[in-house]
Protein backbone atom coordinates (compact mmCIF):
# COMPACT_ATOMS: atom_id res chain seq x y z
CA MET A 1 -100.20 100.77 129.19
CA LYS A 2 -103.67 101.47 130.35
CA ILE A 3 -106.43 99.72 128.47
CA LEU A 4 -109.65 101.56 128.03
CA LYS A 5 -112.82 99.85 129.01
CA PRO A 6 -115.13 98.93 126.13
CA ASP A 7 -117.82 101.50 127.15
CA ARG A 8 -115.25 104.31 127.37
CA THR A 9 -113.77 103.36 124.00
CA LYS A 10 -117.21 103.41 122.41
CA TYR A 11 -117.98 106.87 123.78
CA LEU A 12 -114.55 108.14 122.64
CA LEU A 13 -115.23 106.91 119.09
CA ILE A 14 -118.62 108.58 119.08
CA LEU A 15 -117.03 111.81 120.26
CA LEU A 16 -114.32 111.67 117.60
CA THR A 17 -117.00 111.01 114.89
CA ILE A 18 -118.99 114.00 116.07
CA VAL A 19 -115.84 116.27 116.03
CA LEU A 20 -114.83 114.96 112.60
CA PHE A 21 -118.28 115.51 111.21
CA SER A 22 -118.40 119.03 112.59
CA CYS A 23 -115.06 119.85 110.99
CA ILE A 24 -116.28 118.54 107.63
CA GLU A 25 -119.52 120.49 107.85
CA SER A 26 -117.59 123.61 108.88
CA LYS A 27 -115.20 123.21 105.95
CA ARG A 28 -118.11 122.56 103.58
CA SER A 29 -119.92 125.67 104.88
CA LEU A 30 -116.82 127.84 104.38
CA SER A 31 -116.31 126.59 100.81
CA SER A 32 -119.88 127.33 99.87
CA GLU A 33 -119.48 130.84 101.30
CA LEU A 34 -116.35 131.35 99.15
CA LEU A 35 -118.14 130.17 96.04
CA SER A 36 -121.12 132.52 96.72
CA LYS A 37 -118.64 135.54 97.10
CA ALA A 38 -116.92 134.59 93.82
CA GLN A 39 -120.31 134.40 92.01
CA ILE A 40 -121.26 137.87 93.12
CA ILE A 41 -117.99 139.68 91.90
CA VAL A 42 -117.02 137.50 88.86
CA GLU A 43 -118.31 139.90 86.26
CA GLN A 44 -116.66 143.00 87.61
CA TYR A 45 -113.62 141.57 89.40
CA PRO A 46 -112.82 138.22 87.81
CA GLU A 47 -109.27 138.06 89.26
CA ASN A 48 -110.62 138.50 92.81
CA ALA A 49 -113.22 135.78 92.07
CA LEU A 50 -110.39 133.44 91.08
CA LEU A 51 -108.70 134.15 94.38
CA TYR A 52 -111.85 133.12 96.25
CA LEU A 53 -112.21 129.97 94.19
CA ASP A 54 -108.62 129.01 94.49
CA SER A 55 -109.04 129.17 98.27
CA ILE A 56 -111.24 126.13 98.03
CA GLN A 57 -108.45 123.47 98.16
CA THR A 58 -110.39 120.42 97.15
CA PRO A 59 -113.71 121.57 95.63
CA GLU A 60 -114.91 118.18 94.55
CA SER A 61 -114.96 116.87 98.11
CA ASP A 62 -115.45 120.23 99.93
CA LEU A 63 -118.62 120.91 98.03
CA ASP A 64 -121.81 119.02 97.39
CA LYS A 65 -122.42 117.91 93.77
CA ASP A 66 -124.63 120.88 92.88
CA ASP A 67 -122.22 123.46 94.31
CA TYR A 68 -119.25 121.65 92.65
CA MET A 69 -120.87 121.97 89.23
CA GLN A 70 -121.61 125.66 89.99
CA TYR A 71 -117.93 125.98 90.95
CA ILE A 72 -116.88 124.71 87.51
CA VAL A 73 -119.18 127.23 85.81
CA THR A 74 -117.92 130.17 87.93
CA TYR A 75 -114.28 129.21 87.58
CA THR A 76 -114.42 129.04 83.87
CA GLN A 77 -116.36 132.23 83.65
CA ALA A 78 -113.82 134.13 85.84
CA LYS A 79 -110.91 132.79 83.69
CA TYR A 80 -112.51 133.98 80.50
CA LYS A 81 -113.30 137.37 81.94
CA ALA A 82 -109.76 137.69 83.25
CA GLY A 83 -108.37 136.88 79.73
CA HIS A 84 -106.91 133.52 80.69
CA ASP A 85 -106.76 130.58 78.27
CA ILE A 86 -109.94 128.33 78.66
CA THR A 87 -109.54 126.10 75.66
CA ASN A 88 -108.64 123.11 77.93
CA ASP A 89 -111.54 123.76 80.48
CA SER A 90 -113.56 120.62 79.44
CA LEU A 91 -115.20 120.19 82.79
CA ILE A 92 -117.63 122.95 81.79
CA PHE A 93 -119.32 120.46 79.35
CA LYS A 94 -119.96 118.21 82.41
CA ALA A 95 -121.63 121.04 84.29
CA GLN A 96 -123.57 121.95 81.10
CA ASN A 97 -125.10 118.50 80.89
CA TYR A 98 -125.61 118.30 84.68
CA PHE A 99 -127.84 121.45 84.79
CA LYS A 100 -129.91 120.53 81.71
CA ASN A 101 -132.98 120.07 83.80
CA ASN A 102 -132.41 123.12 86.02
CA PRO A 103 -133.48 126.19 84.08
CA GLN A 104 -132.16 128.57 86.76
CA LYS A 105 -128.60 127.34 86.27
CA ALA A 106 -128.72 125.80 82.83
CA GLY A 107 -128.65 129.18 81.12
CA LEU A 108 -125.27 130.38 82.61
CA ALA A 109 -123.71 126.91 82.25
CA ASN A 110 -124.52 126.88 78.55
CA TYR A 111 -123.39 130.49 78.01
CA VAL A 112 -119.99 129.73 79.60
CA ALA A 113 -119.73 126.48 77.64
CA GLY A 114 -120.25 128.72 74.50
CA TYR A 115 -117.09 130.63 75.59
CA VAL A 116 -114.98 127.53 75.46
CA TYR A 117 -116.34 126.26 72.16
CA PHE A 118 -115.82 129.72 70.71
CA GLU A 119 -112.13 129.83 71.91
CA ARG A 120 -111.67 126.33 70.43
CA LYS A 121 -113.13 127.68 67.21
CA ILE A 122 -115.90 125.19 67.17
CA ASP A 123 -118.40 127.82 66.15
CA ASP A 124 -121.43 125.54 65.57
CA ARG A 125 -121.20 124.08 69.04
CA ALA A 126 -120.68 127.56 70.37
CA LEU A 127 -123.91 128.66 68.61
CA GLU A 128 -125.85 125.74 70.02
CA SER A 129 -124.61 126.56 73.54
CA TYR A 130 -125.61 130.26 73.16
CA LEU A 131 -128.97 129.36 71.72
CA LYS A 132 -129.62 127.04 74.74
CA ALA A 133 -128.47 129.81 77.08
CA GLU A 134 -130.96 132.17 75.47
CA TYR A 135 -133.72 129.52 75.66
CA TYR A 136 -133.17 128.86 79.41
CA ALA A 137 -132.75 132.65 80.13
CA ARG A 138 -136.16 133.30 78.65
CA LYS A 139 -137.51 130.52 80.82
CA THR A 140 -136.37 132.33 83.88
CA ASN A 141 -136.89 135.91 82.61
CA ASP A 142 -133.21 136.66 83.00
CA ASP A 143 -132.99 139.73 80.73
CA LEU A 144 -129.28 140.30 81.07
CA LEU A 145 -128.41 136.66 80.08
CA ILE A 146 -130.88 136.83 77.13
CA ALA A 147 -129.06 140.01 75.91
CA ARG A 148 -125.65 138.48 76.26
CA SER A 149 -126.63 135.25 74.54
CA LEU A 150 -128.08 137.24 71.60
CA HIS A 151 -125.05 139.45 71.50
CA SER A 152 -122.76 136.43 71.29
CA ILE A 153 -124.97 134.76 68.58
CA GLY A 154 -124.71 138.10 66.61
CA ASN A 155 -120.88 137.98 67.00
CA LEU A 156 -120.81 134.50 65.49
CA TYR A 157 -122.84 135.61 62.47
CA PHE A 158 -120.66 138.70 62.10
CA ILE A 159 -117.56 136.64 62.03
CA LYS A 160 -119.20 134.34 59.38
CA GLN A 161 -120.07 137.53 57.43
CA SER A 162 -123.78 136.90 57.71
CA MET A 163 -124.50 140.54 58.40
CA ASP A 164 -128.30 140.56 58.25
CA SER A 165 -128.50 137.72 60.88
CA ALA A 166 -126.02 139.55 63.00
CA ILE A 167 -127.94 142.82 62.84
CA VAL A 168 -131.16 141.03 63.91
CA ARG A 169 -129.53 139.52 67.01
CA TYR A 170 -127.70 142.64 67.87
CA LYS A 171 -130.86 144.80 67.86
CA GLU A 172 -132.87 142.28 69.85
CA ALA A 173 -130.00 142.11 72.42
CA ASN A 174 -129.99 145.93 72.72
CA SER A 175 -133.75 145.86 73.53
CA TYR A 176 -132.96 143.66 76.57
CA TYR A 177 -129.78 145.62 77.56
CA ILE A 178 -131.76 148.88 77.70
CA LYS A 179 -134.20 147.53 80.28
CA THR A 180 -131.44 145.87 82.38
CA LYS A 181 -129.80 148.02 85.06
CA GLY A 182 -125.97 147.87 85.06
CA ALA A 183 -125.75 146.71 81.39
CA GLU A 184 -124.27 150.03 80.09
CA LYS A 185 -120.81 148.60 79.38
CA ASN A 186 -122.42 145.84 77.37
CA ARG A 187 -124.38 148.46 75.36
CA LEU A 188 -121.20 150.33 74.48
CA LEU A 189 -119.70 147.17 72.96
CA LEU A 190 -122.96 146.36 71.25
CA TYR A 191 -123.19 149.87 69.67
CA GLN A 192 -119.65 149.40 68.38
CA GLN A 193 -120.59 145.97 66.90
CA ILE A 194 -123.81 147.24 65.30
CA GLY A 195 -121.99 150.26 63.77
CA ARG A 196 -119.25 147.98 62.36
CA THR A 197 -121.90 145.59 60.89
CA TYR A 198 -123.59 148.49 59.13
CA GLU A 199 -120.14 149.74 57.87
CA ASP A 200 -119.34 146.29 56.52
CA MET A 201 -122.81 146.37 54.77
CA HIS A 202 -121.81 149.82 53.39
CA ASN A 203 -124.73 151.41 55.19
CA LEU A 204 -122.56 154.25 56.38
CA ASP A 205 -125.22 156.62 57.69
CA SER A 206 -126.63 153.86 60.03
CA ALA A 207 -123.04 153.06 61.10
CA LEU A 208 -122.54 156.73 62.12
CA VAL A 209 -125.82 156.77 64.01
CA TYR A 210 -124.72 153.84 66.25
CA PHE A 211 -121.21 155.14 66.58
CA GLU A 212 -122.68 158.53 67.82
CA LYS A 213 -124.98 156.68 70.25
CA GLY A 214 -121.97 154.86 71.66
CA SER A 215 -119.98 158.05 71.95
CA VAL A 216 -122.81 159.83 73.87
CA LEU A 217 -123.14 156.86 76.22
CA ALA A 218 -119.42 156.66 76.75
CA MET A 219 -119.40 160.31 77.74
CA GLN A 220 -122.32 159.74 80.19
CA LEU A 221 -120.36 156.88 81.76
CA ASN A 222 -117.04 158.95 81.73
CA ASP A 223 -115.43 155.99 79.92
CA SER A 224 -112.47 157.62 78.12
CA ASP A 225 -111.37 154.47 76.41
CA TYR A 226 -114.65 153.97 74.63
CA GLU A 227 -114.86 157.69 73.84
CA THR A 228 -111.54 157.31 71.94
CA THR A 229 -112.74 154.18 70.18
CA PHE A 230 -115.91 155.83 68.96
CA ILE A 231 -113.92 158.87 67.71
CA PHE A 232 -111.79 156.47 65.74
CA LEU A 233 -114.73 154.61 64.33
CA LYS A 234 -116.48 157.79 63.22
CA GLY A 235 -113.22 158.89 61.52
CA MET A 236 -113.05 155.64 59.68
CA VAL A 237 -116.67 155.93 58.41
CA LEU A 238 -116.01 159.58 57.42
CA TRP A 239 -113.07 158.40 55.30
CA GLU A 240 -115.38 155.95 53.48
CA LYS A 241 -117.86 158.84 52.97
CA GLU A 242 -114.88 160.72 51.45
CA ASP A 243 -115.05 163.52 54.10
CA TYR A 244 -111.24 163.39 54.29
CA LYS A 245 -110.72 166.56 56.22
CA GLN A 246 -113.11 165.69 59.10
CA SER A 247 -111.87 162.09 58.98
CA GLU A 248 -108.26 163.12 59.43
CA GLU A 249 -109.21 165.32 62.45
CA TYR A 250 -111.14 162.42 64.13
CA LEU A 251 -108.39 159.85 63.38
CA TYR A 252 -105.52 162.02 64.74
CA LYS A 253 -107.56 162.89 67.89
CA ALA A 254 -108.15 159.15 68.44
CA LEU A 255 -104.50 158.37 67.84
CA GLU A 256 -103.44 160.96 70.46
CA GLU A 257 -105.91 159.67 73.09
CA THR A 258 -105.76 155.83 72.62
CA LYS A 259 -103.86 153.68 75.12
CA ASN A 260 -104.39 150.44 73.17
CA ASP A 261 -101.48 149.37 70.91
CA GLU A 262 -103.69 147.28 68.61
CA GLU A 263 -106.26 150.13 68.28
CA ALA A 264 -103.38 152.59 67.53
CA LEU A 265 -102.23 150.40 64.63
CA LYS A 266 -105.86 150.24 63.28
CA ILE A 267 -106.04 154.09 63.47
CA ARG A 268 -102.64 154.33 61.60
CA LEU A 269 -103.98 151.91 59.00
CA ASN A 270 -106.90 154.24 58.33
CA LEU A 271 -104.63 157.27 58.27
CA ALA A 272 -102.43 155.47 55.69
CA ARG A 273 -105.44 154.63 53.57
CA LEU A 274 -106.59 158.21 53.74
CA TYR A 275 -103.19 159.66 52.79
CA ILE A 276 -102.88 157.15 49.88
CA LYS A 277 -106.29 158.29 48.69
CA ILE A 278 -105.32 162.02 48.85
CA GLY A 279 -101.84 161.36 47.46
CA LYS A 280 -99.73 162.24 50.55
CA GLN A 281 -97.15 159.58 50.07
CA ASP A 282 -94.70 160.56 52.73
CA ALA A 283 -97.39 160.69 55.40
CA ALA A 284 -98.74 157.40 54.29
CA GLN A 285 -95.20 155.87 54.27
CA PHE A 286 -94.72 156.99 57.88
CA HIS A 287 -97.86 155.19 59.04
CA ILE A 288 -97.17 152.07 56.84
CA ASP A 289 -93.71 151.70 58.53
CA GLU A 290 -95.36 151.88 61.97
CA ILE A 291 -97.94 149.37 60.97
CA LYS A 292 -95.35 146.92 59.68
CA ASN A 293 -93.35 147.14 62.88
CA GLY A 294 -96.46 146.30 64.90
CA LEU A 295 -98.09 143.64 62.77
CA SER A 296 -97.65 141.09 65.59
CA LYS A 297 -100.04 143.15 67.74
CA ILE A 298 -102.97 142.74 65.32
CA ASN A 299 -105.30 139.75 66.16
CA GLY A 300 -107.73 138.15 63.85
CA ASN A 301 -107.61 137.44 60.06
CA ILE A 302 -110.00 140.21 59.16
CA GLY A 303 -107.78 142.85 60.79
CA LEU A 304 -104.75 141.47 59.17
CA ARG A 305 -106.47 141.35 55.71
CA SER A 306 -107.36 145.08 56.11
CA VAL A 307 -103.71 145.93 56.87
CA TYR A 308 -102.43 143.74 54.03
CA THR A 309 -104.91 145.38 51.55
CA SER A 310 -103.72 148.89 52.48
CA LEU A 311 -100.06 147.73 52.02
CA VAL A 312 -100.88 146.40 48.57
CA ASP A 313 -102.55 149.66 47.69
CA PHE A 314 -99.56 151.67 48.93
CA TYR A 315 -96.81 149.61 47.24
CA THR A 316 -98.79 149.46 43.98
CA LEU A 317 -99.21 153.25 43.97
CA ASN A 318 -95.51 153.58 44.53
CA ALA A 319 -94.72 150.97 41.79
CA ASP A 320 -93.06 148.55 44.30
CA TYR A 321 -94.71 145.55 42.76
CA LYS A 322 -92.51 143.02 44.51
CA GLU A 323 -93.83 144.16 47.89
CA ALA A 324 -97.33 144.43 46.51
CA ILE A 325 -97.26 140.84 45.23
CA TYR A 326 -95.85 139.61 48.55
CA TYR A 327 -98.80 141.08 50.42
CA GLU A 328 -101.23 139.90 47.76
CA LYS A 329 -100.15 136.30 48.51
CA LEU A 330 -100.64 136.90 52.20
CA ILE A 331 -104.15 138.20 51.51
CA GLY A 332 -104.83 134.97 49.48
CA LYS A 333 -103.84 132.82 52.37
CA ILE A 334 -105.97 134.78 54.81
CA ASN A 335 -108.97 134.62 52.39
CA GLN A 336 -108.52 130.85 52.28
CA GLN A 337 -108.52 130.66 56.07
CA ILE A 338 -111.57 132.97 56.29
CA SER A 339 -113.26 130.88 53.76
CA GLU A 340 -112.50 127.65 55.75
CA GLU A 341 -113.56 129.33 58.89
CA LYS A 342 -116.62 130.90 57.51
CA GLY A 343 -118.68 127.67 57.59
CA LEU A 344 -122.04 129.48 57.61
CA ASP A 345 -123.66 126.20 56.61
CA LYS A 346 -122.46 124.68 59.95
CA LEU A 347 -124.19 127.52 61.80
CA VAL A 348 -127.39 126.87 59.84
CA ILE A 349 -127.16 123.11 60.70
CA ALA A 350 -126.55 124.10 64.35
CA GLU A 351 -129.65 126.27 64.34
CA GLU A 352 -131.66 123.38 63.01
CA ARG A 353 -130.29 121.05 65.67
CA HIS A 354 -131.17 123.54 68.24
CA GLN A 355 -134.74 123.89 66.89
CA ARG A 356 -135.16 120.08 67.03
CA TYR A 357 -133.81 120.14 70.61
CA ILE A 358 -136.38 122.85 71.56
CA VAL A 359 -139.22 120.91 69.83
CA ASP A 360 -138.20 117.68 71.62
CA LYS A 361 -137.80 119.40 75.02
CA GLU A 362 -141.05 121.37 74.71
CA SER A 363 -142.82 118.09 73.65
CA ALA A 364 -141.43 116.31 76.62
CA GLU A 365 -142.40 119.07 78.98
CA ALA A 366 -145.87 119.19 77.34
CA ARG A 367 -146.31 115.47 77.83
CA GLN A 368 -145.15 115.75 81.44
CA LYS A 369 -147.53 118.61 81.91
CA LEU A 370 -150.33 116.65 80.35
CA ILE A 371 -149.56 113.70 82.59
CA THR A 372 -149.51 116.02 85.59
CA ILE A 373 -152.83 117.58 84.59
CA LEU A 374 -154.45 114.20 83.90
CA GLY A 375 -153.10 112.99 87.28
CA VAL A 376 -154.60 116.02 89.03
CA VAL A 377 -157.85 115.65 87.13
CA PHE A 378 -157.95 111.88 87.95
CA GLY A 379 -157.16 112.68 91.54
CA VAL A 380 -159.90 115.33 91.78
CA ALA A 381 -162.31 113.04 90.04
CA LEU A 382 -161.53 110.22 92.39
CA PHE A 383 -161.84 112.59 95.29
CA LEU A 384 -165.18 113.84 94.07
CA VAL A 385 -166.38 110.17 93.59
CA PHE A 386 -165.16 109.44 97.10
CA ILE A 387 -167.08 112.44 98.36
CA ALA A 388 -170.17 111.47 96.35
CA VAL A 389 -169.95 107.87 97.80
CA LEU A 390 -169.67 109.21 101.27
CA LEU A 391 -172.59 111.57 100.74
CA LEU A 392 -174.73 108.78 99.26
CA ARG A 393 -173.67 106.56 102.17
CA ASN A 394 -174.48 109.22 104.68
CA LYS A 395 -177.75 109.87 103.00
CA ARG A 396 -178.55 106.25 102.97
CA LEU A 397 -177.50 105.81 106.61
CA LYS A 398 -179.53 108.92 107.47
CA PHE A 399 -182.57 107.58 105.48
CA GLU A 400 -182.17 104.19 107.26
CA LYS A 401 -181.81 105.98 110.60
CA GLU A 402 -184.84 108.11 109.93
CA LEU A 403 -186.78 104.99 108.86
CA GLU A 404 -185.63 103.17 111.98
CA THR A 405 -186.55 106.20 114.03
CA ASN A 406 -189.99 106.40 112.41
CA LYS A 407 -190.37 102.65 113.07
CA LEU A 408 -189.38 103.20 116.65
CA SER A 409 -191.58 106.22 116.92
CA GLU A 410 -194.52 104.22 115.49
CA SER A 411 -193.66 101.36 117.83
CA LYS A 412 -193.51 103.87 120.69
CA ASP A 413 -196.72 105.42 119.60
CA ARG A 414 -198.34 102.02 119.51
CA LEU A 415 -196.98 101.17 122.90
CA LEU A 416 -198.11 104.50 124.25
CA ARG A 417 -201.57 103.97 122.73
CA HIS A 418 -201.54 100.47 124.30
CA SER A 419 -200.37 101.94 127.59
CA GLU A 420 -203.13 104.55 127.41
CA GLU A 421 -205.74 102.06 126.54
CA SER A 422 -204.46 99.85 129.37
CA LEU A 423 -204.65 102.84 131.63
CA LEU A 424 -208.18 103.52 130.65
CA PHE A 425 -209.00 99.90 131.27
CA LEU A 426 -207.40 100.09 134.68
CA GLN A 427 -209.29 103.25 135.42
CA SER A 428 -212.58 101.39 134.60
CA ILE A 429 -211.58 98.56 136.98
CA HIS A 430 -210.71 101.05 139.66
CA GLN A 431 -214.00 102.80 139.09
CA ASN A 432 -215.79 99.54 139.64
CA ILE A 433 -213.71 98.78 142.80
CA ILE A 434 -214.25 102.24 144.18
CA TYR A 435 -217.99 102.49 143.49
CA ASP A 436 -219.60 99.29 142.31
CA TRP A 437 -217.95 96.85 144.72
CA ALA A 438 -218.41 99.19 147.58
CA LYS A 439 -222.13 99.29 146.92
CA VAL A 440 -222.41 95.46 146.51
CA GLU A 441 -220.47 94.90 149.74
CA GLU A 442 -222.81 97.24 151.56
CA GLU A 443 -225.93 95.41 150.23
CA ILE A 444 -224.43 91.98 151.23
CA LYS A 445 -223.85 93.26 154.71
CA GLU A 446 -227.47 94.53 155.00
CA LEU A 447 -228.85 91.19 153.85
CA ALA A 448 -226.61 89.29 156.34
CA ASN A 449 -227.98 91.44 159.19
CA GLU A 450 -231.50 91.00 157.92
CA PHE A 451 -231.31 87.19 158.03
CA GLY A 452 -229.57 87.25 161.34
CA ALA A 453 -226.15 86.09 160.19
CA GLU A 454 -223.76 86.49 163.00
CA GLU A 455 -220.62 85.98 160.89
CA ARG A 456 -219.31 87.53 157.68
CA PRO A 457 -220.20 85.23 154.76
CA ILE A 458 -217.30 83.11 153.53
CA LEU A 459 -218.34 83.89 149.90
CA LEU A 460 -218.02 87.58 150.58
CA ASP A 461 -214.46 87.02 151.85
CA LYS A 462 -213.47 85.03 148.86
CA ILE A 463 -214.92 87.77 146.57
CA GLN A 464 -212.99 90.40 148.63
CA GLN A 465 -209.78 88.41 148.17
CA ILE A 466 -210.22 88.30 144.42
CA ILE A 467 -210.97 92.00 144.37
CA ASP A 468 -207.77 92.70 146.37
CA GLU A 469 -205.67 90.58 144.07
CA LEU A 470 -207.13 92.43 140.94
CA ARG A 471 -206.42 95.74 142.59
CA ASN A 472 -202.80 94.78 143.42
CA LYS A 473 -202.15 93.65 139.79
CA SER A 474 -203.71 96.75 138.38
CA ASN A 475 -201.68 98.85 140.71
CA GLN A 476 -198.50 97.11 139.45
CA GLN A 477 -199.48 97.97 135.90
CA LEU A 478 -200.16 101.59 136.95
CA ILE A 479 -196.66 101.72 138.42
CA GLU A 480 -195.14 100.53 135.15
CA ASN A 481 -197.20 103.06 133.17
CA ALA A 482 -195.88 105.77 135.53
CA ARG A 483 -192.30 104.68 134.57
CA ILE A 484 -193.15 104.90 130.84
CA HIS A 485 -194.55 108.37 131.20
CA LEU A 486 -191.51 109.67 132.98
CA ARG A 487 -189.18 108.17 130.47
CA GLU A 488 -191.15 109.97 127.75
CA ALA A 489 -190.64 113.15 129.75
CA ASP A 490 -186.78 112.62 129.52
CA VAL A 491 -186.40 111.89 133.25
CA LYS A 492 -183.16 109.95 133.86
CA GLU A 493 -183.47 106.24 134.62
CA GLN A 494 -181.56 106.65 137.90
CA THR A 495 -184.08 109.17 139.09
CA ILE A 496 -187.00 106.91 138.14
CA LYS A 497 -185.37 104.08 140.06
CA ASN A 498 -185.03 106.42 143.10
CA LEU A 499 -188.88 106.79 143.23
CA ASN A 500 -190.61 104.12 145.26
CA ASP A 501 -193.76 102.32 144.26
CA LYS A 502 -195.94 104.47 146.46
CA GLN A 503 -194.53 107.64 144.82
CA LEU A 504 -194.95 106.23 141.34
CA LEU A 505 -198.54 105.18 142.10
CA ILE A 506 -199.36 108.62 143.43
CA PHE A 507 -197.79 110.17 140.35
CA ILE A 508 -199.83 108.08 137.87
CA LEU A 509 -203.09 108.39 139.78
CA ILE A 510 -202.79 112.20 140.03
CA CYS A 511 -202.09 112.20 136.29
CA CYS A 512 -205.24 110.13 135.74
CA GLY A 513 -207.23 112.68 137.73
CA TYR A 514 -208.10 110.67 140.87
CA ASN A 515 -208.78 112.54 144.05
CA ARG A 516 -207.37 111.79 147.50
CA ASN A 517 -210.18 109.42 148.68
CA ASP A 518 -210.21 107.51 145.41
CA MET A 519 -206.52 107.02 145.60
CA SER A 520 -206.75 105.75 149.16
CA ILE A 521 -209.28 102.99 148.06
CA ILE A 522 -207.22 102.06 144.92
CA MET A 523 -204.02 101.80 146.84
CA GLY A 524 -205.73 99.53 149.49
CA SER A 525 -205.49 99.44 153.25
CA ASP A 526 -201.95 97.95 153.19
CA VAL A 527 -200.54 100.94 151.42
CA ALA A 528 -203.05 103.51 152.60
CA ILE A 529 -201.61 106.90 153.51
CA ASP A 530 -202.85 109.60 155.66
CA ASP A 531 -203.05 113.29 154.68
CA ASP A 532 -199.74 114.28 156.16
CA ASP A 533 -197.94 111.35 154.54
CA PHE A 534 -199.62 112.00 151.23
CA ALA A 535 -198.48 115.64 151.32
CA VAL A 536 -194.83 114.71 152.11
CA GLN A 537 -194.76 112.03 149.33
CA LEU A 538 -196.27 114.50 146.85
CA LYS A 539 -193.74 117.26 147.75
CA VAL A 540 -190.81 114.90 147.35
CA LEU A 541 -192.09 113.66 144.08
CA LYS A 542 -192.71 117.18 142.65
CA ALA A 543 -189.06 118.26 143.77
CA LYS A 544 -187.44 115.31 142.03
CA LEU A 545 -189.39 115.79 138.75
CA LYS A 546 -188.87 119.60 138.76
CA ARG A 547 -185.21 119.09 138.05
CA PHE A 548 -186.11 117.75 134.65
CA GLY A 549 -188.72 120.42 133.97
CA VAL A 550 -191.57 117.91 134.49
CA SER A 551 -194.80 119.25 136.07
CA ILE A 552 -197.37 116.84 137.48
CA GLU A 553 -200.07 119.43 136.69
CA GLU A 554 -199.08 119.62 133.05
CA MET A 555 -198.93 115.83 132.69
CA LYS A 556 -202.25 115.58 134.32
CA GLN A 557 -203.67 117.90 131.64
CA GLU A 558 -201.99 115.87 128.85
CA SER A 559 -203.25 112.50 130.17
CA PRO A 560 -205.62 110.71 127.86
CA SER A 561 -207.65 109.34 130.79
CA LYS A 562 -210.92 110.93 131.99
CA GLU A 563 -210.94 112.50 135.30
CA ILE A 564 -213.19 110.63 137.79
CA ASP A 565 -215.40 112.67 140.03
CA SER A 566 -214.80 112.23 143.71
């Protein structure tokens, strides 16, 4: 057997991990896609939605936590819409709690949880779930879910015989259904419920108004089943209004068109009641027999009570008291069950619990909002303080810089004034050298000749030496002054360094207004220059300074020194 090298084994393991991860991600992506498709069609095609959901083999591992909880909601919703038993679907309560802080998904989760509570006949919990669904739907402006939640709440109150509360919820639901596209089927059911509620309240005219609205909408939607239902309901109300002839026509038309066995029995019940009322016993007997044969098809205690009441009336009218007493007892049992189920006080308590829940939640949200606002305000205040500190610091630094600049400027001004004074002093020295000493030297030479001195007096040489030293030192100071003036004119230091002493001396002497002859005397015989050399030096100097926009003529005009006449 060939043993893989460690490096190859490591790379193989990495490759297998990548492939496995890709497969898991691909499976998770497919599962999420199936869930999304099921969510889209669950309302209209619940059975198809269940097929998509059942294709996800292990939803808890194939989906992330959020999608898995959404899977539970959609699966329970699809089962309910498809007419399957959901009384054991307890996972929906886990999803209901999971989404409590997610308004976008909490509404539907609570609404579907309400289904399960309703099927379990835990009406107070169903009401709380529907109320929460309505609350979250309003948070997210989901008009359809608001309408459905209100519709379901109205149904609970209708069952508990609290008709006023039912009507209020039904009408509010209708206002949301009307502005929601695609909610026409919901409106058909709602018009039926509102009409039945008014009929139970003996407000027969209002009942007929809503049954007529439903009939018109059913014809617009070409929904024959609902058209038949509204014909039956109008016939029922007309019987109560004692319009027996028209009631009979509507009821027989509905009986001919209905495809629903339970609805057919209800129509027969109303025909039996009508015939009992108008004394057609044979016709009533026919429909009573049909009803007794189909009692197992009637769901709900209220429907059964209506049937038993009609049977009691029929048998009493026919003096069959034994049968009448039998059905009277059945009515008593049903009334007891209805009384036990009624539990309106539980719904009131449930509403109170919900109100406390809303108050607590709104308070918590308000506190969180306040904390957020205070945090933002504090952050903004801190930022403003920081900006203010920076501005003050910058202002202080700017002030200090300006102060320092002013000090430097004053120092510079003093230095310049000192330089100018020094320059004026040097000019006076040079003036004495050029004119006074030249005259003195001339007089001494004449005296020496007059007294017959053959050699130049030693004293004169010593004086001449002192004068030369003084001239050299003053020239050095002039050169330094030239550098200062060039720096003030923003000439680069490197350019100043490239100017030799002769050029610097020529520059400052020109600025001071000396003519060519005077400059020759001041510069001394050791640095004396002829006319050609002077012209060359001056041209080079002007060219270098021109690069920086410095004009010797302009600086000559700005110089504080007085021009000395040649």
